[in-house]
């Protein structure tokens, strides 16, 4: 058995499931969906797994967008939109699909 931590992660797999249905999204958007469907996780953890998944090829950066607004840190926020990468293996989790369908109806 190899030494060290295993490469796979439940949190990263759950993010893959979310991106499978929404096609692309930025960190906070993914976090809001994650909190509704899966067990609680911190926003910091979501961002960590997005960066780690990008290095592993599970996610790719779709676009980087600077959006203007009235934020506590200033007048602009940089949003990094992620999409599924070539190494992502989605399983099409039914919980995510049902949540997004229910949200769309509202």
PDB file of N, CA and C in Angstrom:
ATOM      1  N   UNK A   1       0.849  -1.184   0.000  1.00  0.00           N
ATOM      2  CA  UNK A   1       0.000   0.000   0.000  1.00  0.00           C
ATOM      3  C   UNK A   1       0.892   1.244   0.000  1.00  0.00           C
ATOM      4  N   UNK A   2       0.601   2.229  -0.890  1.00  0.00           N
ATOM      5  CA  UNK A   2       1.430   3.424  -0.955  1.00  0.00           C
ATOM      6  C   UNK A   2       1.290   4.276   0.304  1.00  0.00           C
ATOM      7  N   UNK A   3       2.334   5.027   0.593  1.00  0.00           N
ATOM      8  CA  UNK A   3       2.329   5.886   1.767  1.00  0.00           C
ATOM      9  C   UNK A   3       1.633   7.204   1.466  1.00  0.00           C
ATOM     10  N   UNK A   4       1.198   7.881   2.504  1.00  0.00           N
ATOM     11  CA  UNK A   4       0.592   9.204   2.351  1.00  0.00           C
ATOM     12  C   UNK A   4      -0.918   9.146   2.250  1.00  0.00           C
ATOM     13  N   UNK A   5      -1.485  10.292   2.005  1.00  0.00           N
ATOM     14  CA  UNK A   5      -2.940  10.407   1.907  1.00  0.00           C
ATOM     15  C   UNK A   5      -3.441   9.878   0.567  1.00  0.00           C
ATOM     16  N   UNK A   6      -4.625   9.308   0.565  1.00  0.00           N
ATOM     17  CA  UNK A   6      -5.211   8.888  -0.714  1.00  0.00           C
ATOM     18  C   UNK A   6      -5.570  10.116  -1.560  1.00  0.00           C
ATOM     19  N   UNK A   7      -5.576   9.966  -2.851  1.00  0.00           N
ATOM     20  CA  UNK A   7      -5.832  11.082  -3.761  1.00  0.00           C
ATOM     21  C   UNK A   7      -7.297  11.484  -3.753  1.00  0.00           C
ATOM     22  N   UNK A   8      -8.197  10.551  -3.614  1.00  0.00           N
ATOM     23  CA  UNK A   8      -9.626  10.838  -3.676  1.00  0.00           C
ATOM     24  C   UNK A   8     -10.132  11.588  -2.462  1.00  0.00           C
ATOM     25  N   UNK A   9     -11.256  12.285  -2.626  1.00  0.00           N
ATOM     26  CA  UNK A   9     -11.868  13.044  -1.552  1.00  0.00           C
ATOM     27  C   UNK A   9     -13.377  13.048  -1.742  1.00  0.00           C
ATOM     28  N   UNK A  10     -14.108  12.829  -0.662  1.00  0.00           N
ATOM     29  CA  UNK A  10     -15.573  12.868  -0.743  1.00  0.00           C
ATOM     30  C   UNK A  10     -16.059  14.272  -1.086  1.00  0.00           C
ATOM     31  N   UNK A  11     -15.436  15.279  -0.498  1.00  0.00           N
ATOM     32  CA  UNK A  11     -15.849  16.656  -0.770  1.00  0.00           C
ATOM     33  C   UNK A  11     -15.632  16.989  -2.243  1.00  0.00           C
ATOM     34  N   UNK A  12     -14.479  16.631  -2.778  1.00  0.00           N
ATOM     35  CA  UNK A  12     -14.191  16.908  -4.188  1.00  0.00           C
ATOM     36  C   UNK A  12     -15.155  16.147  -5.098  1.00  0.00           C
ATOM     37  N   UNK A  13     -15.477  14.925  -4.741  1.00  0.00           N
ATOM     38  CA  UNK A  13     -16.429  14.150  -5.546  1.00  0.00           C
ATOM     39  C   UNK A  13     -17.810  14.803  -5.522  1.00  0.00           C
ATOM     40  N   UNK A  14     -18.206  15.322  -4.357  1.00  0.00           N
ATOM     41  CA  UNK A  14     -19.496  16.010  -4.265  1.00  0.00           C
ATOM     42  C   UNK A  14     -19.508  17.285  -5.111  1.00  0.00           C
ATOM     43  N   UNK A  15     -18.379  17.994  -5.148  1.00  0.00           N
ATOM     44  CA  UNK A  15     -18.276  19.183  -5.996  1.00  0.00           C
ATOM     45  C   UNK A  15     -18.384  18.782  -7.473  1.00  0.00           C
ATOM     46  N   UNK A  16     -17.783  17.658  -7.827  1.00  0.00           N
ATOM     47  CA  UNK A  16     -17.897  17.150  -9.200  1.00  0.00           C
ATOM     48  C   UNK A  16     -19.356  16.893  -9.537  1.00  0.00           C
ATOM     49  N   UNK A  17     -20.091  16.313  -8.603  1.00  0.00           N
ATOM     50  CA  UNK A  17     -21.519  16.039  -8.838  1.00  0.00           C
ATOM     51  C   UNK A  17     -22.294  17.337  -9.061  1.00  0.00           C
ATOM     52  N   UNK A  18     -21.983  18.367  -8.276  1.00  0.00           N
ATOM     53  CA  UNK A  18     -22.664  19.652  -8.433  1.00  0.00           C
ATOM     54  C   UNK A  18     -22.331  20.264  -9.789  1.00  0.00           C
ATOM     55  N   UNK A  19     -21.062  20.288 -10.154  1.00  0.00           N
ATOM     56  CA  UNK A  19     -20.666  20.877 -11.436  1.00  0.00           C
ATOM     57  C   UNK A  19     -21.194  20.081 -12.627  1.00  0.00           C
ATOM     58  N   UNK A  20     -21.424  18.802 -12.435  1.00  0.00           N
ATOM     59  CA  UNK A  20     -21.983  17.981 -13.503  1.00  0.00           C
ATOM     60  C   UNK A  20     -23.351  18.524 -13.925  1.00  0.00           C
ATOM     61  N   UNK A  21     -24.125  18.983 -12.959  1.00  0.00           N
ATOM     62  CA  UNK A  21     -25.478  19.465 -13.269  1.00  0.00           C
ATOM     63  C   UNK A  21     -25.515  20.953 -13.602  1.00  0.00           C
ATOM     64  N   UNK A  22     -24.675  21.778 -12.949  1.00  0.00           N
ATOM     65  CA  UNK A  22     -24.746  23.216 -13.226  1.00  0.00           C
ATOM     66  C   UNK A  22     -23.779  23.647 -14.327  1.00  0.00           C
ATOM     67  N   UNK A  23     -22.935  22.741 -14.792  1.00  0.00           N
ATOM     68  CA  UNK A  23     -21.975  22.950 -15.888  1.00  0.00           C
ATOM     69  C   UNK A  23     -20.806  23.866 -15.511  1.00  0.00           C
ATOM     70  N   UNK A  24     -21.070  25.009 -14.889  1.00  0.00           N
ATOM     71  CA  UNK A  24     -19.997  25.897 -14.444  1.00  0.00           C
ATOM     72  C   UNK A  24     -20.497  26.720 -13.266  1.00  0.00           C
ATOM     73  N   UNK A  25     -19.593  27.122 -12.391  1.00  0.00           N
ATOM     74  CA  UNK A  25     -19.974  27.929 -11.241  1.00  0.00           C
ATOM     75  C   UNK A  25     -18.748  28.423 -10.506  1.00  0.00           C
ATOM     76  N   UNK A  26     -18.940  29.451  -9.698  1.00  0.00           N
ATOM     77  CA  UNK A  26     -17.839  29.966  -8.908  1.00  0.00           C
ATOM     78  C   UNK A  26     -17.947  29.423  -7.476  1.00  0.00           C
ATOM     79  N   UNK A  27     -16.897  29.608  -6.709  1.00  0.00           N
ATOM     80  CA  UNK A  27     -16.777  28.969  -5.401  1.00  0.00           C
ATOM     81  C   UNK A  27     -17.959  29.154  -4.478  1.00  0.00           C
ATOM     82  N   UNK A  28     -18.412  30.392  -4.282  1.00  0.00           N
ATOM     83  CA  UNK A  28     -19.495  30.631  -3.338  1.00  0.00           C
ATOM     84  C   UNK A  28     -20.804  30.027  -3.820  1.00  0.00           C
ATOM     85  N   UNK A  29     -21.038  30.049  -5.114  1.00  0.00           N
ATOM     86  CA  UNK A  29     -22.240  29.443  -5.693  1.00  0.00           C
ATOM     87  C   UNK A  29     -22.256  27.929  -5.444  1.00  0.00           C
ATOM     88  N   UNK A  30     -21.120  27.299  -5.651  1.00  0.00           N
ATOM     89  CA  UNK A  30     -20.979  25.858  -5.403  1.00  0.00           C
ATOM     90  C   UNK A  30     -21.179  25.566  -3.922  1.00  0.00           C
ATOM     91  N   UNK A  31     -20.611  26.419  -3.071  1.00  0.00           N
ATOM     92  CA  UNK A  31     -20.726  26.264  -1.615  1.00  0.00           C
ATOM     93  C   UNK A  31     -22.183  26.299  -1.171  1.00  0.00           C
ATOM     94  N   UNK A  32     -22.986  27.227  -1.704  1.00  0.00           N
ATOM     95  CA  UNK A  32     -24.393  27.337  -1.304  1.00  0.00           C
ATOM     96  C   UNK A  32     -25.162  26.064  -1.656  1.00  0.00           C
ATOM     97  N   UNK A  33     -24.912  25.525  -2.832  1.00  0.00           N
ATOM     98  CA  UNK A  33     -25.584  24.285  -3.237  1.00  0.00           C
ATOM     99  C   UNK A  33     -25.102  23.127  -2.368  1.00  0.00           C
ATOM    100  N   UNK A  34     -23.798  23.060  -2.139  1.00  0.00           N
ATOM    101  CA  UNK A  34     -23.205  21.983  -1.334  1.00  0.00           C
ATOM    102  C   UNK A  34     -23.854  21.929   0.046  1.00  0.00           C
ATOM    103  N   UNK A  35     -24.006  23.088   0.701  1.00  0.00           N
ATOM    104  CA  UNK A  35     -24.559  23.143   2.053  1.00  0.00           C
ATOM    105  C   UNK A  35     -26.010  22.651   2.108  1.00  0.00           C
ATOM    106  N   UNK A  36     -26.749  22.810   1.011  1.00  0.00           N
ATOM    107  CA  UNK A  36     -28.137  22.364   0.973  1.00  0.00           C
ATOM    108  C   UNK A  36     -28.261  20.859   0.740  1.00  0.00           C
ATOM    109  N   UNK A  37     -27.324  20.284   0.014  1.00  0.00           N
ATOM    110  CA  UNK A  37     -27.451  18.889  -0.408  1.00  0.00           C
ATOM    111  C   UNK A  37     -26.642  17.931   0.465  1.00  0.00           C
ATOM    112  N   UNK A  38     -25.439  18.328   0.837  1.00  0.00           N
ATOM    113  CA  UNK A  38     -24.515  17.447   1.545  1.00  0.00           C
ATOM    114  C   UNK A  38     -24.276  17.938   2.972  1.00  0.00           C
ATOM    115  N   UNK A  39     -23.558  17.159   3.791  1.00  0.00           N
ATOM    116  CA  UNK A  39     -23.255  17.590   5.162  1.00  0.00           C
ATOM    117  C   UNK A  39     -22.478  18.911   5.169  1.00  0.00           C
ATOM    118  N   UNK A  40     -22.621  19.684   6.246  1.00  0.00           N
ATOM    119  CA  UNK A  40     -21.968  20.996   6.306  1.00  0.00           C
ATOM    120  C   UNK A  40     -20.458  20.922   6.088  1.00  0.00           C
ATOM    121  N   UNK A  41     -19.954  21.934   5.397  1.00  0.00           N
ATOM    122  CA  UNK A  41     -18.537  22.053   5.115  1.00  0.00           C
ATOM    123  C   UNK A  41     -18.223  23.549   5.110  1.00  0.00           C
ATOM    124  N   UNK A  42     -16.988  23.906   5.372  1.00  0.00           N
ATOM    125  CA  UNK A  42     -16.634  25.323   5.384  1.00  0.00           C
ATOM    126  C   UNK A  42     -16.363  25.825   3.973  1.00  0.00           C
ATOM    127  N   UNK A  43     -16.543  27.116   3.789  1.00  0.00           N
ATOM    128  CA  UNK A  43     -16.256  27.739   2.496  1.00  0.00           C
ATOM    129  C   UNK A  43     -14.781  27.593   2.160  1.00  0.00           C
ATOM    130  N   UNK A  44     -13.944  27.686   3.173  1.00  0.00           N
ATOM    131  CA  UNK A  44     -12.501  27.534   2.979  1.00  0.00           C
ATOM    132  C   UNK A  44     -12.160  26.154   2.416  1.00  0.00           C
ATOM    133  N   UNK A  45     -12.862  25.138   2.907  1.00  0.00           N
ATOM    134  CA  UNK A  45     -12.640  23.772   2.434  1.00  0.00           C
ATOM    135  C   UNK A  45     -13.054  23.619   0.967  1.00  0.00           C
ATOM    136  N   UNK A  46     -14.149  24.262   0.591  1.00  0.00           N
ATOM    137  CA  UNK A  46     -14.596  24.216  -0.804  1.00  0.00           C
ATOM    138  C   UNK A  46     -13.531  24.828  -1.712  1.00  0.00           C
ATOM    139  N   UNK A  47     -13.018  25.996  -1.330  1.00  0.00           N
ATOM    140  CA  UNK A  47     -11.983  26.641  -2.143  1.00  0.00           C
ATOM    141  C   UNK A  47     -10.711  25.801  -2.203  1.00  0.00           C
ATOM    142  N   UNK A  48     -10.350  25.161  -1.090  1.00  0.00           N
ATOM    143  CA  UNK A  48      -9.172  24.283  -1.087  1.00  0.00           C
ATOM    144  C   UNK A  48      -9.350  23.159  -2.106  1.00  0.00           C
ATOM    145  N   UNK A  49     -10.505  22.502  -2.074  1.00  0.00           N
ATOM    146  CA  UNK A  49     -10.745  21.373  -2.966  1.00  0.00           C
ATOM    147  C   UNK A  49     -10.889  21.801  -4.426  1.00  0.00           C
ATOM    148  N   UNK A  50     -11.378  23.010  -4.663  1.00  0.00           N
ATOM    149  CA  UNK A  50     -11.409  23.505  -6.041  1.00  0.00           C
ATOM    150  C   UNK A  50      -9.995  23.696  -6.574  1.00  0.00           C
ATOM    151  N   UNK A  51      -9.107  24.269  -5.763  1.00  0.00           N
ATOM    152  CA  UNK A  51      -7.715  24.444  -6.197  1.00  0.00           C
ATOM    153  C   UNK A  51      -7.020  23.094  -6.372  1.00  0.00           C
ATOM    154  N   UNK A  52      -7.218  22.191  -5.413  1.00  0.00           N
ATOM    155  CA  UNK A  52      -6.596  20.858  -5.480  1.00  0.00           C
ATOM    156  C   UNK A  52      -7.120  20.090  -6.694  1.00  0.00           C
ATOM    157  N   UNK A  53      -8.426  20.149  -6.919  1.00  0.00           N
ATOM    158  CA  UNK A  53      -9.026  19.470  -8.067  1.00  0.00           C
ATOM    159  C   UNK A  53      -8.546  20.026  -9.395  1.00  0.00           C
ATOM    160  N   UNK A  54      -8.244  21.331  -9.426  1.00  0.00           N
ATOM    161  CA  UNK A  54      -7.700  21.931 -10.640  1.00  0.00           C
ATOM    162  C   UNK A  54      -6.319  21.362 -10.930  1.00  0.00           C
ATOM    163  N   UNK A  55      -5.511  21.202  -9.886  1.00  0.00           N
ATOM    164  CA  UNK A  55      -4.171  20.617 -10.061  1.00  0.00           C
ATOM    165  C   UNK A  55      -4.248  19.165 -10.526  1.00  0.00           C
ATOM    166  N   UNK A  56      -5.277  18.431 -10.060  1.00  0.00           N
ATOM    167  CA  UNK A  56      -5.435  17.026 -10.417  1.00  0.00           C
ATOM    168  C   UNK A  56      -6.162  16.828 -11.751  1.00  0.00           C
ATOM    169  N   UNK A  57      -6.676  17.900 -12.332  1.00  0.00           N
ATOM    170  CA  UNK A  57      -7.382  17.800 -13.607  1.00  0.00           C
ATOM    171  C   UNK A  57      -8.849  17.433 -13.466  1.00  0.00           C
ATOM    172  N   UNK A  58      -9.368  17.436 -12.243  1.00  0.00           N
ATOM    173  CA  UNK A  58     -10.793  17.144 -12.049  1.00  0.00           C
ATOM    174  C   UNK A  58     -11.654  18.366 -12.378  1.00  0.00           C
ATOM    175  N   UNK A  59     -11.081  19.557 -12.199  1.00  0.00           N
ATOM    176  CA  UNK A  59     -11.753  20.806 -12.544  1.00  0.00           C
ATOM    177  C   UNK A  59     -10.844  21.595 -13.469  1.00  0.00           C
ATOM    178  N   UNK A  60     -11.462  22.490 -14.206  1.00  0.00           N
ATOM    179  CA  UNK A  60     -10.672  23.431 -15.005  1.00  0.00           C
ATOM    180  C   UNK A  60     -11.280  24.812 -14.800  1.00  0.00           C
ATOM    181  N   UNK A  61     -10.460  25.813 -14.938  1.00  0.00           N
ATOM    182  CA  UNK A  61     -10.952  27.179 -14.805  1.00  0.00           C
ATOM    183  C   UNK A  61     -11.615  27.556 -16.120  1.00  0.00           C
ATOM    184  N   UNK A  62     -12.903  27.837 -16.042  1.00  0.00           N
ATOM    185  CA  UNK A  62     -13.676  28.175 -17.236  1.00  0.00           C
ATOM    186  C   UNK A  62     -13.436  29.632 -17.633  1.00  0.00           C
ATOM    187  N   UNK A  63     -13.533  30.518 -16.640  1.00  0.00           N
ATOM    188  CA  UNK A  63     -13.257  31.935 -16.893  1.00  0.00           C
ATOM    189  C   UNK A  63     -13.019  32.642 -15.565  1.00  0.00           C
ATOM    190  N   UNK A  64     -12.356  33.775 -15.647  1.00  0.00           N
ATOM    191  CA  UNK A  64     -12.134  34.629 -14.481  1.00  0.00           C
ATOM    192  C   UNK A  64     -12.786  35.964 -14.803  1.00  0.00           C
ATOM    193  N   UNK A  65     -13.660  36.392 -13.905  1.00  0.00           N
ATOM    194  CA  UNK A  65     -14.458  37.573 -14.176  1.00  0.00           C
ATOM    195  C   UNK A  65     -14.320  38.556 -13.013  1.00  0.00           C
ATOM    196  N   UNK A  66     -14.060  39.807 -13.290  1.00  0.00           N
ATOM    197  CA  UNK A  66     -14.025  40.853 -12.265  1.00  0.00           C
ATOM    198  C   UNK A  66     -15.391  41.531 -12.257  1.00  0.00           C
ATOM    199  N   UNK A  67     -16.092  41.425 -11.130  1.00  0.00           N
ATOM    200  CA  UNK A  67     -17.424  42.006 -11.028  1.00  0.00           C
ATOM    201  C   UNK A  67     -17.407  43.180 -10.072  1.00  0.00           C
ATOM    202  N   UNK A  68     -18.014  44.263 -10.494  1.00  0.00           N
ATOM    203  CA  UNK A  68     -18.080  45.459  -9.665  1.00  0.00           C
ATOM    204  C   UNK A  68     -19.265  45.356  -8.713  1.00  0.00           C
ATOM    205  N   UNK A  69     -19.087  45.906  -7.516  1.00  0.00           N
ATOM    206  CA  UNK A  69     -20.144  45.886  -6.523  1.00  0.00           C
ATOM    207  C   UNK A  69     -19.697  46.608  -5.274  1.00  0.00           C
ATOM    208  N   UNK A  70     -20.547  46.597  -4.274  1.00  0.00           N
ATOM    209  CA  UNK A  70     -20.233  47.245  -3.001  1.00  0.00           C
ATOM    210  C   UNK A  70     -19.858  46.167  -1.996  1.00  0.00           C
ATOM    211  N   UNK A  71     -18.600  45.751  -2.011  1.00  0.00           N
ATOM    212  CA  UNK A  71     -18.115  44.699  -1.134  1.00  0.00           C
ATOM    213  C   UNK A  71     -17.380  45.294   0.055  1.00  0.00           C
ATOM    214  N   UNK A  72     -17.272  44.554   1.126  1.00  0.00           N
ATOM    215  CA  UNK A  72     -16.594  45.052   2.328  1.00  0.00           C
ATOM    216  C   UNK A  72     -15.107  45.288   2.076  1.00  0.00           C
ATOM    217  N   UNK A  73     -14.526  44.601   1.117  1.00  0.00           N
ATOM    218  CA  UNK A  73     -13.093  44.736   0.838  1.00  0.00           C
ATOM    219  C   UNK A  73     -12.791  45.715  -0.282  1.00  0.00           C
ATOM    220  N   UNK A  74     -13.802  46.210  -0.952  1.00  0.00           N
ATOM    221  CA  UNK A  74     -13.563  47.168  -2.020  1.00  0.00           C
ATOM    222  C   UNK A  74     -14.651  47.156  -3.069  1.00  0.00           C
ATOM    223  N   UNK A  75     -14.419  47.826  -4.186  1.00  0.00           N
ATOM    224  CA  UNK A  75     -15.454  47.971  -5.210  1.00  0.00           C
ATOM    225  C   UNK A  75     -15.507  46.845  -6.244  1.00  0.00           C
ATOM    226  N   UNK A  76     -14.623  45.853  -6.129  1.00  0.00           N
ATOM    227  CA  UNK A  76     -14.551  44.821  -7.160  1.00  0.00           C
ATOM    228  C   UNK A  76     -14.254  43.457  -6.545  1.00  0.00           C
ATOM    229  N   UNK A  77     -14.810  42.422  -7.141  1.00  0.00           N
ATOM    230  CA  UNK A  77     -14.544  41.047  -6.710  1.00  0.00           C
ATOM    231  C   UNK A  77     -14.155  40.221  -7.930  1.00  0.00           C
ATOM    232  N   UNK A  78     -13.160  39.378  -7.758  1.00  0.00           N
ATOM    233  CA  UNK A  78     -12.731  38.498  -8.839  1.00  0.00           C
ATOM    234  C   UNK A  78     -13.379  37.130  -8.624  1.00  0.00           C
ATOM    235  N   UNK A  79     -14.157  36.708  -9.579  1.00  0.00           N
ATOM    236  CA  UNK A  79     -14.832  35.418  -9.485  1.00  0.00           C
ATOM    237  C   UNK A  79     -14.207  34.452 -10.482  1.00  0.00           C
ATOM    238  N   UNK A  80     -13.795  33.308  -9.964  1.00  0.00           N
ATOM    239  CA  UNK A  80     -13.205  32.275 -10.806  1.00  0.00           C
ATOM    240  C   UNK A  80     -14.279  31.212 -11.035  1.00  0.00           C
ATOM    241  N   UNK A  81     -14.678  31.049 -12.271  1.00  0.00           N
ATOM    242  CA  UNK A  81     -15.700  30.069 -12.622  1.00  0.00           C
ATOM    243  C   UNK A  81     -15.020  28.750 -12.990  1.00  0.00           C
ATOM    244  N   UNK A  82     -15.506  27.665 -12.396  1.00  0.00           N
ATOM    245  CA  UNK A  82     -14.940  26.335 -12.623  1.00  0.00           C
ATOM    246  C   UNK A  82     -15.901  25.489 -13.438  1.00  0.00           C
ATOM    247  N   UNK A  83     -15.344  24.537 -14.167  1.00  0.00           N
ATOM    248  CA  UNK A  83     -16.104  23.538 -14.922  1.00  0.00           C
ATOM    249  C   UNK A  83     -15.412  22.196 -14.703  1.00  0.00           C
ATOM    250  N   UNK A  84     -16.040  21.122 -15.139  1.00  0.00           N
ATOM    251  CA  UNK A  84     -15.429  19.803 -14.989  1.00  0.00           C
ATOM    252  C   UNK A  84     -14.229  19.656 -15.919  1.00  0.00           C
ATOM    253  N   UNK A  85     -13.193  19.039 -15.394  1.00  0.00           N
ATOM    254  CA  UNK A  85     -11.989  18.792 -16.172  1.00  0.00           C
ATOM    255  C   UNK A  85     -11.987  17.390 -16.754  1.00  0.00           C
ATOM    256  N   UNK A  86     -10.926  17.026 -17.450  1.00  0.00           N
ATOM    257  CA  UNK A  86     -10.862  15.724 -18.113  1.00  0.00           C
ATOM    258  C   UNK A  86     -10.775  14.536 -17.154  1.00  0.00           C
ATOM    259  N   UNK A  87     -10.288  14.737 -15.936  1.00  0.00           N
ATOM    260  CA  UNK A  87     -10.150  13.626 -14.992  1.00  0.00           C
ATOM    261  C   UNK A  87     -11.344  13.466 -14.054  1.00  0.00           C
ATOM    262  N   UNK A  88     -12.379  14.278 -14.225  1.00  0.00           N
ATOM    263  CA  UNK A  88     -13.574  14.179 -13.376  1.00  0.00           C
ATOM    264  C   UNK A  88     -14.370  12.939 -13.759  1.00  0.00           C
ATOM    265  N   UNK A  89     -14.870  12.260 -12.753  1.00  0.00           N
ATOM    266  CA  UNK A  89     -15.685  11.071 -12.974  1.00  0.00           C
ATOM    267  C   UNK A  89     -17.022  11.229 -12.243  1.00  0.00           C
ATOM    268  N   UNK A  90     -17.967  11.984 -12.849  1.00  0.00           N
ATOM    269  CA  UNK A  90     -19.262  12.192 -12.196  1.00  0.00           C
ATOM    270  C   UNK A  90     -20.095  10.916 -12.177  1.00  0.00           C
ATOM    271  N   UNK A  91     -20.886  10.789 -11.121  1.00  0.00           N
ATOM    272  CA  UNK A  91     -21.773   9.628 -10.977  1.00  0.00           C
ATOM    273  C   UNK A  91     -23.239  10.028 -11.129  1.00  0.00           C
ATOM    274  N   UNK A  92     -23.498  11.304 -11.405  1.00  0.00           N
ATOM    275  CA  UNK A  92     -24.860  11.845 -11.568  1.00  0.00           C
ATOM    276  C   UNK A  92     -25.704  11.577 -10.330  1.00  0.00           C
ATOM    277  N   UNK A  93     -25.276  12.139  -9.198  1.00  0.00           N
ATOM    278  CA  UNK A  93     -25.963  11.973  -7.919  1.00  0.00           C
ATOM    279  C   UNK A  93     -27.388  12.520  -8.009  1.00  0.00           C
ATOM    280  N   UNK A  94     -28.346  11.685  -7.701  1.00  0.00           N
ATOM    281  CA  UNK A  94     -29.762  12.034  -7.817  1.00  0.00           C
ATOM    282  C   UNK A  94     -30.160  13.144  -6.841  1.00  0.00           C
ATOM    283  N   UNK A  95     -29.472  13.224  -5.681  1.00  0.00           N
ATOM    284  CA  UNK A  95     -29.794  14.257  -4.685  1.00  0.00           C
ATOM    285  C   UNK A  95     -29.564  15.650  -5.253  1.00  0.00           C
ATOM    286  N   UNK A  96     -28.503  15.832  -5.978  1.00  0.00           N
ATOM    287  CA  UNK A  96     -28.191  17.143  -6.552  1.00  0.00           C
ATOM    288  C   UNK A  96     -29.219  17.497  -7.616  1.00  0.00           C
ATOM    289  N   UNK A  97     -29.542  16.549  -8.480  1.00  0.00           N
ATOM    290  CA  UNK A  97     -30.521  16.802  -9.549  1.00  0.00           C
ATOM    291  C   UNK A  97     -31.874  17.191  -8.966  1.00  0.00           C
ATOM    292  N   UNK A  98     -32.330  16.466  -7.944  1.00  0.00           N
ATOM    293  CA  UNK A  98     -33.625  16.776  -7.326  1.00  0.00           C
ATOM    294  C   UNK A  98     -33.614  18.159  -6.684  1.00  0.00           C
ATOM    295  N   UNK A  99     -32.513  18.498  -5.998  1.00  0.00           N
ATOM    296  CA  UNK A  99     -32.427  19.811  -5.365  1.00  0.00           C
ATOM    297  C   UNK A  99     -32.485  20.922  -6.404  1.00  0.00           C
ATOM    298  N   UNK A 100     -31.730  20.781  -7.491  1.00  0.00           N
ATOM    299  CA  UNK A 100     -31.700  21.819  -8.515  1.00  0.00           C
ATOM    300  C   UNK A 100     -33.037  21.938  -9.239  1.00  0.00           C
ATOM    301  N   UNK A 101     -33.733  20.829  -9.455  1.00  0.00           N
ATOM    302  CA  UNK A 101     -35.058  20.879 -10.078  1.00  0.00           C
ATOM    303  C   UNK A 101     -36.047  21.590  -9.167  1.00  0.00           C
ATOM    304  N   UNK A 102     -35.984  21.286  -7.866  1.00  0.00           N
ATOM    305  CA  UNK A 102     -36.871  21.916  -6.896  1.00  0.00           C
ATOM    306  C   UNK A 102     -36.583  23.414  -6.812  1.00  0.00           C
ATOM    307  N   UNK A 103     -35.320  23.784  -6.844  1.00  0.00           N
ATOM    308  CA  UNK A 103     -34.914  25.193  -6.784  1.00  0.00           C
ATOM    309  C   UNK A 103     -35.360  25.943  -8.041  1.00  0.00           C
ATOM    310  N   UNK A 104     -35.301  25.269  -9.188  1.00  0.00           N
ATOM    311  CA  UNK A 104     -35.687  25.897 -10.454  1.00  0.00           C
ATOM    312  C   UNK A 104     -37.186  26.199 -10.491  1.00  0.00           C
ATOM    313  N   UNK A 105     -38.000  25.330  -9.863  1.00  0.00           N
ATOM    314  CA  UNK A 105     -39.446  25.522  -9.863  1.00  0.00           C
ATOM    315  C   UNK A 105     -39.875  26.742  -9.053  1.00  0.00           C
ATOM    316  N   UNK A 106     -39.066  27.117  -8.053  1.00  0.00           N
ATOM    317  CA  UNK A 106     -39.429  28.252  -7.183  1.00  0.00           C
ATOM    318  C   UNK A 106     -39.271  29.569  -7.854  1.00  0.00           C
TER     319      UNK A 106
END
